[in-house]
C-alpha atoms as a PDB file:
ATOM      1  CA  MET A   1       0.000   0.000   0.000  1.00  0.00           C
ATOM      2  CA  ASN A   2       1.250   3.499  -0.838  1.00  0.00           C
ATOM      3  CA  ARG A   3       2.042   5.827   2.041  1.00  0.00           C
ATOM      4  CA  ARG A   4      -0.892   8.203   2.304  1.00  0.00           C
ATOM      5  CA  VAL A   5      -0.432  11.942   1.772  1.00  0.00           C
ATOM      6  CA  ASP A   6      -2.403  14.986   2.841  1.00  0.00           C
ATOM      7  CA  ALA A   7      -1.455  17.141  -0.120  1.00  0.00           C
ATOM      8  CA  HIS A   8      -2.895  20.448   1.066  1.00  0.00           C
ATOM      9  CA  GLN A   9      -2.414  21.977   4.495  1.00  0.00           C
ATOM     10  CA  HIS A  10      -0.999  25.176   5.978  1.00  0.00           C
ATOM     11  CA  PHE A  11       1.103  26.408   8.879  1.00  0.00           C
ATOM     12  CA  TRP A  12       1.316  29.895  10.307  1.00  0.00           C
ATOM     13  CA  ARG A  13       2.244  31.934  13.357  1.00  0.00           C
ATOM     14  CA  TYR A  14      -0.778  34.154  13.578  1.00  0.00           C
ATOM     15  CA  SER A  15      -0.591  37.915  13.772  1.00  0.00           C
ATOM     16  CA  PRO A  16      -3.361  40.255  12.585  1.00  0.00           C
ATOM     17  CA  GLU A  17      -0.869  42.312  10.595  1.00  0.00           C
ATOM     18  CA  GLU A  18       0.526  39.390   8.606  1.00  0.00           C
ATOM     19  CA  TYR A  19      -2.757  37.518   8.175  1.00  0.00           C
ATOM     20  CA  ALA A  20      -5.249  40.274   7.483  1.00  0.00           C
ATOM     21  CA  TRP A  21      -7.515  37.809   5.664  1.00  0.00           C
ATOM     22  CA  ILE A  22      -8.204  36.036   8.970  1.00  0.00           C
ATOM     23  CA  ALA A  23     -10.900  37.628  11.135  1.00  0.00           C
ATOM     24  CA  SER A  24      -9.657  38.291  14.659  1.00  0.00           C
ATOM     25  CA  GLU A  25     -12.507  36.281  16.206  1.00  0.00           C
ATOM     26  CA  SER A  26     -12.000  33.319  13.863  1.00  0.00           C
ATOM     27  CA  VAL A  27     -10.805  29.857  14.912  1.00  0.00           C
ATOM     28  CA  LEU A  28      -8.011  30.497  12.426  1.00  0.00           C
ATOM     29  CA  ALA A  29      -6.667  33.416  14.475  1.00  0.00           C
ATOM     30  CA  GLU A  30      -4.261  31.124  16.274  1.00  0.00           C
ATOM     31  CA  THR A  31      -0.846  29.645  15.590  1.00  0.00           C
ATOM     32  CA  TYR A  32      -0.839  26.313  13.750  1.00  0.00           C
ATOM     33  CA  LEU A  33       2.427  24.396  13.544  1.00  0.00           C
ATOM     34  CA  PRO A  34       3.640  20.887  12.665  1.00  0.00           C
ATOM     35  CA  ARG A  35       3.241  19.723  16.248  1.00  0.00           C
ATOM     36  CA  ASP A  36      -0.492  20.481  15.964  1.00  0.00           C
ATOM     37  CA  LEU A  37      -0.994  18.575  12.702  1.00  0.00           C
ATOM     38  CA  LYS A  38       1.156  15.488  13.286  1.00  0.00           C
ATOM     39  CA  PRO A  39      -1.252  13.766  15.738  1.00  0.00           C
ATOM     40  CA  LEU A  40      -4.154  14.363  13.360  1.00  0.00           C
ATOM     41  CA  LEU A  41      -2.260  12.769  10.488  1.00  0.00           C
ATOM     42  CA  ALA A  42      -1.263   9.816  12.628  1.00  0.00           C
ATOM     43  CA  ALA A  43      -4.853   9.212  13.774  1.00  0.00           C
ATOM     44  CA  ALA A  44      -6.000   9.256  10.140  1.00  0.00           C
ATOM     45  CA  GLY A  45      -3.255   6.887   8.994  1.00  0.00           C
ATOM     46  CA  ILE A  46      -1.576   9.559   6.870  1.00  0.00           C
ATOM     47  CA  ALA A  47       2.196   9.418   6.674  1.00  0.00           C
ATOM     48  CA  GLU A  48       3.141  12.698   4.982  1.00  0.00           C
ATOM     49  CA  SER A  49       1.823  16.103   4.034  1.00  0.00           C
ATOM     50  CA  ILE A  50       2.448  18.919   1.593  1.00  0.00           C
ATOM     51  CA  VAL A  51       2.359  22.383   3.119  1.00  0.00           C
ATOM     52  CA  VAL A  52       1.015  25.192   0.926  1.00  0.00           C
ATOM     53  CA  GLN A  53       1.697  28.901   1.158  1.00  0.00           C
ATOM     54  CA  ALA A  54      -0.759  31.137   2.984  1.00  0.00           C
ATOM     55  CA  ARG A  55       1.106  34.436   2.589  1.00  0.00           C
ATOM     56  CA  GLN A  56       2.599  35.908  -0.551  1.00  0.00           C
ATOM     57  CA  THR A  57       6.081  36.539   0.823  1.00  0.00           C
ATOM     58  CA  ASP A  58       9.533  35.096   0.206  1.00  0.00           C
ATOM     59  CA  ALA A  59      10.015  34.904   3.967  1.00  0.00           C
ATOM     60  CA  GLU A  60       7.097  32.533   4.412  1.00  0.00           C
ATOM     61  CA  THR A  61       8.361  30.209   1.674  1.00  0.00           C
ATOM     62  CA  ARG A  62      11.771  30.003   3.337  1.00  0.00           C
ATOM     63  CA  TRP A  63      10.166  29.403   6.733  1.00  0.00           C
ATOM     64  CA  LEU A  64       8.034  26.572   5.345  1.00  0.00           C
ATOM     65  CA  LEU A  65      11.144  24.979   3.836  1.00  0.00           C
ATOM     66  CA  GLU A  66      12.817  25.199   7.234  1.00  0.00           C
ATOM     67  CA  LEU A  67       9.826  23.445   8.800  1.00  0.00           C
ATOM     68  CA  ALA A  68      10.054  20.758   6.136  1.00  0.00           C
ATOM     69  CA  ASP A  69      13.722  20.227   6.990  1.00  0.00           C
ATOM     70  CA  GLU A  70      12.899  19.933  10.684  1.00  0.00           C
ATOM     71  CA  ASN A  71       9.982  17.533  10.133  1.00  0.00           C
ATOM     72  CA  PRO A  72      10.817  14.687   7.724  1.00  0.00           C
ATOM     73  CA  TRP A  73       7.137  13.749   7.368  1.00  0.00           C
ATOM     74  CA  ILE A  74       6.521  17.028   5.519  1.00  0.00           C
ATOM     75  CA  MET A  75       6.917  15.734   1.967  1.00  0.00           C
ATOM     76  CA  GLY A  76       7.419  19.188   0.534  1.00  0.00           C
ATOM     77  CA  VAL A  77       6.349  22.795   0.102  1.00  0.00           C
ATOM     78  CA  VAL A  78       4.217  24.639  -2.434  1.00  0.00           C
ATOM     79  CA  GLY A  79       5.565  28.108  -1.869  1.00  0.00           C
ATOM     80  CA  TRP A  80       5.244  31.579  -3.280  1.00  0.00           C
ATOM     81  CA  ILE A  81       7.639  33.384  -5.601  1.00  0.00           C
ATOM     82  CA  ASP A  82       7.069  36.868  -6.988  1.00  0.00           C
ATOM     83  CA  LEU A  83       6.128  35.816 -10.501  1.00  0.00           C
ATOM     84  CA  ARG A  84       6.274  39.406 -11.699  1.00  0.00           C
ATOM     85  CA  ALA A  85       9.824  40.052 -10.495  1.00  0.00           C
ATOM     86  CA  GLY A  86      12.427  41.062 -13.044  1.00  0.00           C
ATOM     87  CA  ASP A  87      14.875  38.473 -11.709  1.00  0.00           C
ATOM     88  CA  LEU A  88      12.415  35.574 -11.724  1.00  0.00           C
ATOM     89  CA  ASP A  89      14.910  33.079 -13.155  1.00  0.00           C
ATOM     90  CA  ALA A  90      17.358  33.758 -10.350  1.00  0.00           C
ATOM     91  CA  ARG A  91      14.642  33.582  -7.695  1.00  0.00           C
ATOM     92  CA  ILE A  92      13.452  30.203  -8.966  1.00  0.00           C
ATOM     93  CA  GLY A  93      17.022  28.981  -9.286  1.00  0.00           C
ATOM     94  CA  ASN A  94      17.781  30.036  -5.745  1.00  0.00           C
ATOM     95  CA  LEU A  95      14.813  28.293  -4.152  1.00  0.00           C
ATOM     96  CA  ILE A  96      14.700  25.205  -6.331  1.00  0.00           C
ATOM     97  CA  ARG A  97      18.043  24.100  -4.966  1.00  0.00           C
ATOM     98  CA  HIS A  98      16.099  23.135  -1.881  1.00  0.00           C
ATOM     99  CA  GLY A  99      14.882  19.628  -2.620  1.00  0.00           C
ATOM    100  CA  LYS A 100      11.582  20.030  -0.797  1.00  0.00           C
ATOM    101  CA  LEU A 101      10.292  22.900  -2.926  1.00  0.00           C
ATOM    102  CA  LEU A 102       7.696  21.042  -4.997  1.00  0.00           C
ATOM    103  CA  GLY A 103       5.631  23.811  -6.500  1.00  0.00           C
ATOM    104  CA  VAL A 104       4.530  27.430  -6.593  1.00  0.00           C
ATOM    105  CA  ARG A 105       1.167  29.106  -6.008  1.00  0.00           C
ATOM    106  CA  HIS A 106      -0.142  32.625  -6.513  1.00  0.00           C
ATOM    107  CA  VAL A 107      -3.457  33.648  -4.913  1.00  0.00           C
ATOM    108  CA  VAL A 108      -5.231  34.434  -8.168  1.00  0.00           C
ATOM    109  CA  GLN A 109      -8.629  34.200  -6.448  1.00  0.00           C
ATOM    110  CA  ASP A 110      -7.976  37.519  -4.708  1.00  0.00           C
ATOM    111  CA  GLU A 111      -6.709  39.453  -7.717  1.00  0.00           C
ATOM    112  CA  PRO A 112      -9.086  42.385  -8.395  1.00  0.00           C
ATOM    113  CA  ASP A 113      -8.549  42.191 -12.166  1.00  0.00           C
ATOM    114  CA  PRO A 114     -11.051  39.653 -13.553  1.00  0.00           C
ATOM    115  CA  ASP A 115      -8.732  39.148 -16.537  1.00  0.00           C
ATOM    116  CA  PHE A 116      -5.625  38.501 -14.450  1.00  0.00           C
ATOM    117  CA  LEU A 117      -5.060  35.034 -15.926  1.00  0.00           C
ATOM    118  CA  LEU A 118      -4.754  36.589 -19.381  1.00  0.00           C
ATOM    119  CA  ASP A 119      -1.794  38.761 -18.382  1.00  0.00           C
ATOM    120  CA  ALA A 120       1.044  37.765 -20.711  1.00  0.00           C
ATOM    121  CA  ALA A 121       3.801  38.450 -18.185  1.00  0.00           C
ATOM    122  CA  PHE A 122       2.100  36.270 -15.586  1.00  0.00           C
ATOM    123  CA  GLN A 123       1.599  33.506 -18.142  1.00  0.00           C
ATOM    124  CA  ARG A 124       5.292  33.586 -19.081  1.00  0.00           C
ATOM    125  CA  ALA A 125       6.235  33.368 -15.407  1.00  0.00           C
ATOM    126  CA  VAL A 126       4.075  30.294 -14.825  1.00  0.00           C
ATOM    127  CA  SER A 127       5.639  28.693 -17.893  1.00  0.00           C
ATOM    128  CA  GLU A 128       9.042  29.343 -16.332  1.00  0.00           C
ATOM    129  CA  VAL A 129       7.959  27.611 -13.126  1.00  0.00           C
ATOM    130  CA  LEU A 130       6.879  24.541 -15.084  1.00  0.00           C
ATOM    131  CA  ARG A 131      10.063  24.491 -17.170  1.00  0.00           C
ATOM    132  CA  ALA A 132      12.052  24.543 -13.934  1.00  0.00           C
ATOM    133  CA  GLY A 133      10.482  21.192 -13.054  1.00  0.00           C
ATOM    134  CA  LEU A 134       7.987  22.421 -10.447  1.00  0.00           C
ATOM    135  CA  ALA A 135       4.227  22.058 -10.162  1.00  0.00           C
ATOM    136  CA  TYR A 136       1.987  25.114 -10.356  1.00  0.00           C
ATOM    137  CA  GLU A 137      -1.163  25.344  -8.229  1.00  0.00           C
ATOM    138  CA  LEU A 138      -4.023  27.290  -9.727  1.00  0.00           C
ATOM    139  CA  LEU A 139      -6.136  28.896  -6.993  1.00  0.00           C
ATOM    140  CA  VAL A 140      -9.218  30.397  -8.628  1.00  0.00           C
ATOM    141  CA  ARG A 141     -12.855  30.896  -7.812  1.00  0.00           C
ATOM    142  CA  ALA A 142     -15.547  29.420 -10.037  1.00  0.00           C
ATOM    143  CA  PRO A 143     -16.160  32.612 -12.118  1.00  0.00           C
ATOM    144  CA  GLN A 144     -12.455  32.719 -13.039  1.00  0.00           C
ATOM    145  CA  LEU A 145     -12.717  29.365 -14.809  1.00  0.00           C
ATOM    146  CA  ASN A 146     -13.829  31.211 -17.943  1.00  0.00           C
ATOM    147  CA  HIS A 147     -10.219  32.302 -18.558  1.00  0.00           C
ATOM    148  CA  VAL A 148      -8.524  29.050 -17.559  1.00  0.00           C
ATOM    149  CA  PRO A 149      -8.502  27.505 -21.096  1.00  0.00           C
ATOM    150  CA  ALA A 150      -6.742  30.542 -22.564  1.00  0.00           C
ATOM    151  CA  PHE A 151      -4.346  30.553 -19.601  1.00  0.00           C
ATOM    152  CA  LEU A 152      -3.508  26.883 -20.092  1.00  0.00           C
ATOM    153  CA  ASP A 153      -3.059  27.316 -23.837  1.00  0.00           C
ATOM    154  CA  ALA A 154      -0.493  30.007 -23.111  1.00  0.00           C
ATOM    155  CA  VAL A 155       1.496  28.360 -20.320  1.00  0.00           C
ATOM    156  CA  VAL A 156       1.678  24.612 -20.979  1.00  0.00           C
ATOM    157  CA  ASP A 157       3.532  22.590 -23.547  1.00  0.00           C
ATOM    158  CA  GLY A 158       2.491  18.955 -23.764  1.00  0.00           C
ATOM    159  CA  PRO A 159       3.138  16.952 -20.593  1.00  0.00           C
ATOM    160  CA  GLU A 160       3.715  20.089 -18.509  1.00  0.00           C
ATOM    161  CA  ALA A 161      -0.068  20.402 -18.168  1.00  0.00           C
ATOM    162  CA  ALA A 162      -0.012  17.356 -15.877  1.00  0.00           C
ATOM    163  CA  ARG A 163       1.810  19.515 -13.304  1.00  0.00           C
ATOM    164  CA  ILE A 164      -0.969  22.112 -13.171  1.00  0.00           C
ATOM    165  CA  VAL A 165      -3.094  21.511 -10.068  1.00  0.00           C
ATOM    166  CA  ILE A 166      -6.502  23.155  -9.665  1.00  0.00           C
ATOM    167  CA  ASP A 167      -7.037  23.876  -5.981  1.00  0.00           C
ATOM    168  CA  HIS A 168     -10.281  23.081  -4.164  1.00  0.00           C
ATOM    169  CA  GLY A 169     -12.259  22.160  -7.275  1.00  0.00           C
ATOM    170  CA  ALA A 170     -12.189  25.840  -8.305  1.00  0.00           C
ATOM    171  CA  LYS A 171     -14.270  26.757  -5.246  1.00  0.00           C
ATOM    172  CA  PRO A 172     -17.954  26.527  -6.220  1.00  0.00           C
ATOM    173  CA  VAL A 173     -20.181  28.335  -3.743  1.00  0.00           C
ATOM    174  CA  ILE A 174     -21.813  25.220  -2.308  1.00  0.00           C
ATOM    175  CA  ALA A 175     -23.677  27.209   0.349  1.00  0.00           C
ATOM    176  CA  LEU A 176     -25.691  28.862  -2.440  1.00  0.00           C
ATOM    177  CA  GLY A 177     -26.041  25.697  -4.516  1.00  0.00           C
ATOM    178  CA  GLU A 178     -23.849  27.067  -7.328  1.00  0.00           C
ATOM    179  CA  TRP A 179     -23.606  24.541 -10.154  1.00  0.00           C
ATOM    180  CA  GLU A 180     -23.520  26.084 -13.604  1.00  0.00           C
ATOM    181  CA  PRO A 181     -21.459  27.430 -15.221  1.00  0.00           C
ATOM    182  CA  TRP A 182     -18.930  25.943 -12.737  1.00  0.00           C
ATOM    183  CA  ALA A 183     -19.739  22.317 -13.545  1.00  0.00           C
ATOM    184  CA  GLY A 184     -19.689  22.694 -17.318  1.00  0.00           C
ATOM    185  CA  ARG A 185     -16.551  24.793 -17.434  1.00  0.00           C
ATOM    186  CA  LEU A 186     -14.634  22.414 -15.181  1.00  0.00           C
ATOM    187  CA  ALA A 187     -15.746  19.395 -17.213  1.00  0.00           C
ATOM    188  CA  ALA A 188     -14.602  21.050 -20.440  1.00  0.00           C
ATOM    189  CA  ILE A 189     -11.199  21.886 -18.935  1.00  0.00           C
ATOM    190  CA  ALA A 190     -10.746  18.322 -17.671  1.00  0.00           C
ATOM    191  CA  ARG A 191     -11.582  16.887 -21.101  1.00  0.00           C
ATOM    192  CA  ARG A 192      -9.202  19.156 -22.985  1.00  0.00           C
ATOM    193  CA  TYR A 193      -6.183  19.336 -20.673  1.00  0.00           C
ATOM    194  CA  PRO A 194      -4.423  16.676 -18.525  1.00  0.00           C
ATOM    195  CA  VAL A 195      -4.502  18.933 -15.458  1.00  0.00           C
ATOM    196  CA  VAL A 196      -5.235  17.493 -12.025  1.00  0.00           C
ATOM    197  CA  CYS A 197      -7.546  18.696  -9.280  1.00  0.00           C
ATOM    198  CA  LYS A 198      -7.481  18.690  -5.498  1.00  0.00           C
ATOM    199  CA  LEU A 199     -10.309  17.005  -3.645  1.00  0.00           C
ATOM    200  CA  SER A 200     -10.000  19.630  -0.946  1.00  0.00           C
ATOM    201  CA  GLY A 201     -11.435  22.818   0.468  1.00  0.00           C
ATOM    202  CA  LEU A 202     -15.057  22.049  -0.381  1.00  0.00           C
ATOM    203  CA  VAL A 203     -16.530  22.029   3.127  1.00  0.00           C
ATOM    204  CA  THR A 204     -15.562  25.664   3.637  1.00  0.00           C
ATOM    205  CA  GLU A 205     -17.513  26.564   0.497  1.00  0.00           C
ATOM    206  CA  ALA A 206     -20.621  25.059   2.115  1.00  0.00           C
ATOM    207  CA  ASP A 207     -22.609  26.515   5.019  1.00  0.00           C
ATOM    208  CA  HIS A 208     -20.022  26.292   7.797  1.00  0.00           C
ATOM    209  CA  GLY A 209     -22.515  25.450  10.507  1.00  0.00           C
ATOM    210  CA  ALA A 210     -25.082  23.359   8.656  1.00  0.00           C
ATOM    211  CA  TRP A 211     -23.526  21.468   5.731  1.00  0.00           C
ATOM    212  CA  LYS A 212     -24.501  17.873   5.091  1.00  0.00           C
ATOM    213  CA  ASP A 213     -22.350  15.066   3.719  1.00  0.00           C
ATOM    214  CA  ASP A 214     -24.566  14.478   0.684  1.00  0.00           C
ATOM    215  CA  GLU A 215     -24.530  18.178  -0.192  1.00  0.00           C
ATOM    216  CA  VAL A 216     -20.733  18.267  -0.439  1.00  0.00           C
ATOM    217  CA  MET A 217     -20.498  14.822  -2.024  1.00  0.00           C
ATOM    218  CA  ARG A 218     -22.530  16.044  -4.979  1.00  0.00           C
ATOM    219  CA  TYR A 219     -19.624  18.302  -5.882  1.00  0.00           C
ATOM    220  CA  MET A 220     -17.078  15.579  -5.132  1.00  0.00           C
ATOM    221  CA  ARG A 221     -18.908  13.261  -7.541  1.00  0.00           C
ATOM    222  CA  HIS A 222     -18.640  15.849 -10.278  1.00  0.00           C
ATOM    223  CA  LEU A 223     -14.905  16.200  -9.693  1.00  0.00           C
ATOM    224  CA  LEU A 224     -14.552  12.423  -9.895  1.00  0.00           C
ATOM    225  CA  ASP A 225     -16.612  12.314 -13.083  1.00  0.00           C
ATOM    226  CA  CYS A 226     -14.466  15.059 -14.614  1.00  0.00           C
ATOM    227  CA  PHE A 227     -10.984  14.008 -13.592  1.00  0.00           C
ATOM    228  CA  GLY A 228     -11.290  10.336 -12.752  1.00  0.00           C
ATOM    229  CA  PRO A 229      -9.412   8.716  -9.860  1.00  0.00           C
ATOM    230  CA  GLU A 230      -6.097   9.134 -11.682  1.00  0.00           C
ATOM    231  CA  ARG A 231      -6.273  12.948 -11.576  1.00  0.00           C
ATOM    232  CA  LEU A 232      -7.704  13.689  -8.131  1.00  0.00           C
ATOM    233  CA  ILE A 233      -5.558  14.455  -5.068  1.00  0.00           C
ATOM    234  CA  PHE A 234      -6.720  14.474  -1.455  1.00  0.00           C
ATOM    235  CA  GLY A 235      -6.018  17.492   0.729  1.00  0.00           C
ATOM    236  CA  SER A 236      -7.565  18.445   4.061  1.00  0.00           C
ATOM    237  CA  ASP A 237      -7.020  22.207   3.774  1.00  0.00           C
ATOM    238  CA  TRP A 238      -6.246  22.159   7.505  1.00  0.00           C
ATOM    239  CA  PRO A 239      -6.469  24.420   9.467  1.00  0.00           C
ATOM    240  CA  VAL A 240      -8.746  26.397   7.132  1.00  0.00           C
ATOM    241  CA  CYS A 241     -11.146  23.447   7.193  1.00  0.00           C
ATOM    242  CA  LEU A 242     -11.726  24.146  10.899  1.00  0.00           C
ATOM    243  CA  LEU A 243     -14.105  26.908   9.835  1.00  0.00           C
ATOM    244  CA  ALA A 244     -16.523  24.152   8.829  1.00  0.00           C
ATOM    245  CA  GLY A 245     -15.390  20.983  10.569  1.00  0.00           C
ATOM    246  CA  THR A 246     -12.642  19.105  12.336  1.00  0.00           C
ATOM    247  CA  TYR A 247      -9.829  17.333  10.555  1.00  0.00           C
ATOM    248  CA  GLU A 248     -11.463  14.051  11.566  1.00  0.00           C
ATOM    249  CA  ARG A 249     -14.782  14.989   9.972  1.00  0.00           C
ATOM    250  CA  VAL A 250     -13.206  16.171   6.725  1.00  0.00           C
ATOM    251  CA  HIS A 251     -11.100  13.014   6.472  1.00  0.00           C
ATOM    252  CA  ALA A 252     -14.100  10.798   7.265  1.00  0.00           C
ATOM    253  CA  LEU A 253     -16.189  12.523   4.600  1.00  0.00           C
ATOM    254  CA  VAL A 254     -13.568  11.832   1.942  1.00  0.00           C
ATOM    255  CA  GLN A 255     -13.163   8.203   3.042  1.00  0.00           C
ATOM    256  CA  GLN A 256     -16.920   7.712   2.867  1.00  0.00           C
ATOM    257  CA  PHE A 257     -16.944   9.208  -0.623  1.00  0.00           C
ATOM    258  CA  LEU A 258     -14.074   6.986  -1.805  1.00  0.00           C
ATOM    259  CA  GLU A 259     -15.424   3.761  -0.323  1.00  0.00           C
ATOM    260  CA  PRO A 260     -17.159   2.536  -3.550  1.00  0.00           C
ATOM    261  CA  LEU A 261     -13.919   2.851  -5.539  1.00  0.00           C
ATOM    262  CA  ALA A 262     -11.419   0.082  -6.087  1.00  0.00           C
ATOM    263  CA  ALA A 263      -8.570  -0.090  -3.585  1.00  0.00           C
ATOM    264  CA  CYS A 264      -6.024   1.013  -6.197  1.00  0.00           C
ATOM    265  CA  GLU A 265      -8.161   4.056  -7.038  1.00  0.00           C
ATOM    266  CA  ARG A 266      -8.499   5.039  -3.391  1.00  0.00           C
ATOM    267  CA  GLU A 267      -4.749   4.682  -2.927  1.00  0.00           C
ATOM    268  CA  ALA A 268      -4.126   6.891  -5.963  1.00  0.00           C
ATOM    269  CA  ILE A 269      -6.316   9.712  -4.653  1.00  0.00           C
ATOM    270  CA  MET A 270      -4.970   9.367  -1.115  1.00  0.00           C
ATOM    271  CA  GLY A 271      -1.303   9.525  -2.039  1.00  0.00           C
ATOM    272  CA  GLY A 272      -0.155   7.965  -5.290  1.00  0.00           C
ATOM    273  CA  ASN A 273      -1.304  10.832  -7.491  1.00  0.00           C
ATOM    274  CA  ALA A 274       0.348  13.413  -5.242  1.00  0.00           C
ATOM    275  CA  ARG A 275       3.650  11.550  -5.408  1.00  0.00           C
ATOM    276  CA  ARG A 276       3.467  11.487  -9.186  1.00  0.00           C
ATOM    277  CA  VAL A 277       2.345  15.079  -9.753  1.00  0.00           C
ATOM    278  CA  TYR A 278       4.730  16.651  -7.236  1.00  0.00           C
ATOM    279  CA  ALA A 279       7.751  14.591  -8.221  1.00  0.00           C
ATOM    280  CA  ARG A 280      10.439  17.094  -9.113  1.00  0.00           C
ATOM    281  CA  VAL A 281      11.353  17.080 -12.804  1.00  0.00           C
ATOM    282  CA  GLU A 282      15.071  17.527 -13.303  1.00  0.00           C
ATOM    283  CA  ALA A 283      15.804  20.824 -15.013  1.00  0.00           C
ATOM    284  CA  PRO A 284      18.797  23.170 -15.214  1.00  0.00           C
ATOM    285  CA  VAL A 285      18.682  25.854 -12.520  1.00  0.00           C
ATOM    286  CA  GLN A 286      20.381  29.179 -12.067  1.00  0.00           C
ATOM    287  CA  GLY A 287      21.133  31.391  -9.125  1.00  0.00           C
ATOM    288  CA  GLU A 288      22.799  30.921  -5.783  1.00  0.00           C
ATOM    289  CA  ALA A 289      21.997  28.284  -3.211  1.00  0.00           C
ATOM    290  CA  ILE A 290      19.394  29.126  -0.624  1.00  0.00           C
ATOM    291  CA  PRO A 291      21.084  30.244   2.605  1.00  0.00           C
END
């Protein structure tokens, strides 16, 4: 059996200045570190995790890499790099020398420009990330899916598309019953491009205090129909998931959803796909070693 992976979680030392997106009264307005997650992983039978950026700073990426060094069960880091920096090649070359940098993410969902994904400079930067052998995580909300085909046409070349990861099923607003055009757009993208998708972050798109398993599973079923078990990756989105449920409840929901699948398909979603997608592709790098 493959070692199971939680491919989407976060760490932070909370301060209101650095995490302005977190309400001061929220359950998220606390510090969450590896020592808090490790027992939850162990109880769920999960061996490793991938930590994903929560702030768009170089300092956070370096800190997450330090945590990964200190905790061998952290499989790797999806960090942030300023994709609009003039010295992007050097920045990538500097960080990629750290073996646990697996990918890069930019918080596109919060960009005020609805056409942000069409920006040519941003597209070139994402292409550079992929050419460097890293994965790129696409964090968008459902309305932004309309520009994803043009974005993918611009940034991917053949097999590189298999290292594009759509976060959280593109975040349909489950609490309002949003379905179309989200469902149709996502299905069309999955048919045309070999991108993968995270089975993560859906409970926080539902009514935090009143969501039902079947309500969220409807959206999970669509993701499975679109991407198949070979292109879905489990992630808890801890601690953000705490807005809507405990780690145990989120994990149990996913296990219930996966139960009808064959054992090999469950193992793929729960770890095998993450190992494949986030495997570093050897590529020439430039820049100085990370200090």
